[in-house]
Amino acid sequence: MNQGVYIAFDYGEKRVGLAHTDPLHLIASALDTLAPKDVIHFVEKYAQQQEIKAFVVGLPIQKNGTPSVVESKIQSFILQLKHAFPEIPLFRQDERYTSKIAAHTLHLSGVSKKIREDKSTLDRISAALILQSFLDSQKSKSK
């Protein structure tokens, strides 16, 4: 039985990190990093191969609780996503500190400095952290 997957986005002005779940929605994995203009087309192709159950878009909140300056661009991206996939539900997930956690995780895992400093790698790992955080919050709500 195919339950579909969730896809998460760590949206940035230059790059968008993507992550997806396994079909049982237990584990988030880094998927890709793309230019913002290429994301919708990529997801359209992905959806031809795999059912998408939901989207999770990172919610960048500053330390003082206000939205990040990139939020207006994220809202525009969300409108494009909803237009292209009106039947797929979309959720937001707090993404505070995911980039720092991603960099720290890479450092602890012993990968080379070159890989650790690659922003594309950090973006897709950040997307996986956003998605895993969302999955964990859904599990705690269902208990």
Protein backbone atom coordinates (compact mmCIF):
# COMPACT_ATOMS: atom_id res chain seq x y z
CA MET A 1 0.00 0.00 0.00
CA ASN A 2 1.49 3.32 -1.08
CA GLN A 3 0.81 5.99 1.51
CA GLY A 4 2.61 8.73 -0.36
CA VAL A 5 5.45 10.84 0.97
CA TYR A 6 5.85 14.28 2.48
CA ILE A 7 8.16 16.77 0.81
CA ALA A 8 9.75 19.61 2.76
CA PHE A 9 11.28 22.83 1.54
CA ASP A 10 13.94 25.00 3.14
CA TYR A 11 13.31 28.06 0.98
CA GLY A 12 16.04 30.60 0.37
CA GLU A 13 16.45 33.37 -2.16
CA LYS A 14 19.30 31.57 -3.95
CA ARG A 15 18.61 27.90 -3.17
CA VAL A 16 15.80 25.68 -1.96
CA GLY A 17 16.70 22.57 -0.01
CA LEU A 18 14.30 19.66 -0.45
CA ALA A 19 13.73 16.56 1.66
CA HIS A 20 11.26 13.69 1.56
CA THR A 21 9.98 10.96 3.83
CA ASP A 22 9.83 7.24 3.46
CA PRO A 23 6.31 5.95 2.59
CA LEU A 24 5.61 5.19 6.27
CA HIS A 25 6.47 8.78 7.26
CA LEU A 26 9.06 7.69 9.81
CA ILE A 27 12.29 9.15 8.48
CA ALA A 28 13.13 12.34 6.60
CA SER A 29 15.96 12.23 4.07
CA ALA A 30 17.70 14.99 2.14
CA LEU A 31 16.54 15.00 -1.48
CA ASP A 32 18.07 17.83 -3.52
CA THR A 33 18.95 21.52 -3.64
CA LEU A 34 17.61 23.62 -6.49
CA ALA A 35 17.33 27.18 -7.69
CA PRO A 36 13.93 28.57 -6.62
CA LYS A 37 12.80 28.82 -10.27
CA ASP A 38 13.32 25.06 -10.75
CA VAL A 39 11.43 23.73 -7.73
CA ILE A 40 7.89 23.48 -9.12
CA HIS A 41 9.05 21.63 -12.25
CA PHE A 42 11.13 19.25 -10.11
CA VAL A 43 8.15 18.48 -7.87
CA GLU A 44 5.89 17.94 -10.90
CA LYS A 45 8.33 15.32 -12.21
CA TYR A 46 8.71 13.79 -8.74
CA ALA A 47 4.92 13.51 -8.40
CA GLN A 48 4.80 11.44 -11.60
CA GLN A 49 6.94 8.80 -9.88
CA GLN A 50 5.75 9.03 -6.29
CA GLU A 51 2.49 10.09 -4.66
CA ILE A 52 2.90 13.20 -2.52
CA LYS A 53 0.75 13.25 0.60
CA ALA A 54 1.71 16.71 1.92
CA PHE A 55 4.14 19.58 1.68
CA VAL A 56 6.00 21.08 4.63
CA VAL A 57 7.50 24.52 4.16
CA GLY A 58 9.98 25.91 6.65
CA LEU A 59 8.80 28.89 8.69
CA PRO A 60 11.75 31.20 9.34
CA ILE A 61 11.15 33.02 12.61
CA GLN A 62 13.73 35.39 14.06
CA LYS A 63 14.89 35.18 17.68
CA ASN A 64 12.47 37.96 18.64
CA GLY A 65 9.54 35.98 17.20
CA THR A 66 8.98 38.06 14.08
CA PRO A 67 8.98 36.57 10.57
CA SER A 68 12.24 36.60 8.62
CA VAL A 69 12.69 39.03 5.74
CA VAL A 70 12.49 36.10 3.28
CA GLU A 71 8.93 35.26 4.43
CA SER A 72 7.30 37.37 1.68
CA LYS A 73 9.18 35.35 -0.96
CA ILE A 74 8.17 32.13 0.80
CA GLN A 75 4.53 33.24 0.65
CA SER A 76 4.90 33.76 -3.10
CA PHE A 77 6.44 30.27 -3.42
CA ILE A 78 3.57 28.79 -1.38
CA LEU A 79 1.05 30.36 -3.76
CA GLN A 80 2.87 28.79 -6.72
CA LEU A 81 2.93 25.42 -4.95
CA LYS A 82 -0.80 25.60 -4.10
CA HIS A 83 -1.61 26.61 -7.67
CA ALA A 84 0.38 23.70 -9.14
CA PHE A 85 -0.84 21.16 -6.55
CA PRO A 86 -4.20 22.37 -5.18
CA GLU A 87 -5.12 18.93 -3.83
CA ILE A 88 -2.00 18.51 -1.67
CA PRO A 89 -2.17 19.90 1.88
CA LEU A 90 0.58 22.26 2.97
CA PHE A 91 1.95 22.73 6.47
CA ARG A 92 4.47 25.15 7.95
CA GLN A 93 7.20 24.12 10.39
CA ASP A 94 9.45 26.32 12.51
CA GLU A 95 12.91 26.19 11.00
CA ARG A 96 14.86 28.12 13.63
CA TYR A 97 18.45 26.93 14.00
CA THR A 98 18.17 24.18 11.36
CA SER A 99 21.13 25.56 9.39
CA LYS A 100 23.29 25.63 12.52
CA ILE A 101 22.17 22.12 13.50
CA ALA A 102 22.88 20.89 9.96
CA ALA A 103 26.40 22.35 10.03
CA HIS A 104 27.04 20.90 13.50
CA THR A 105 25.74 17.47 12.44
CA LEU A 106 28.04 17.44 9.41
CA HIS A 107 30.98 18.43 11.62
CA LEU A 108 30.23 15.65 14.12
CA SER A 109 29.86 13.10 11.34
CA GLY A 110 33.42 13.76 10.22
CA VAL A 111 32.75 14.91 6.67
CA SER A 112 35.34 17.12 5.02
CA LYS A 113 35.37 20.87 5.55
CA LYS A 114 34.66 21.35 1.83
CA ILE A 115 31.39 19.41 2.13
CA ARG A 116 30.49 21.08 5.45
CA GLU A 117 30.82 24.50 3.85
CA ASP A 118 28.80 23.59 0.74
CA LYS A 119 25.60 25.61 1.13
CA SER A 120 23.66 23.22 -1.15
CA THR A 121 24.42 20.35 1.22
CA LEU A 122 23.42 22.46 4.23
CA ASP A 123 20.14 23.48 2.54
CA ARG A 124 18.98 19.93 1.86
CA ILE A 125 20.03 18.72 5.31
CA SER A 126 18.16 21.68 6.80
CA ALA A 127 15.09 20.61 4.80
CA ALA A 128 15.45 17.10 6.24
CA LEU A 129 15.66 18.55 9.76
CA ILE A 130 12.53 20.65 9.14
CA LEU A 131 10.70 17.58 7.88
CA GLN A 132 11.86 15.32 10.72
CA SER A 133 10.78 17.96 13.23
CA PHE A 134 7.36 18.05 11.55
CA LEU A 135 7.08 14.24 11.63
CA ASP A 136 8.04 14.16 15.30
CA SER A 137 5.46 16.83 16.14
CA GLN A 138 2.77 14.84 14.29
CA LYS A 139 3.67 11.69 16.24
CA SER A 140 3.42 13.53 19.56
CA LYS A 141 0.01 14.97 18.57
CA SER A 142 -1.33 11.50 17.78
CA LYS A 143 -0.42 10.09 21.21
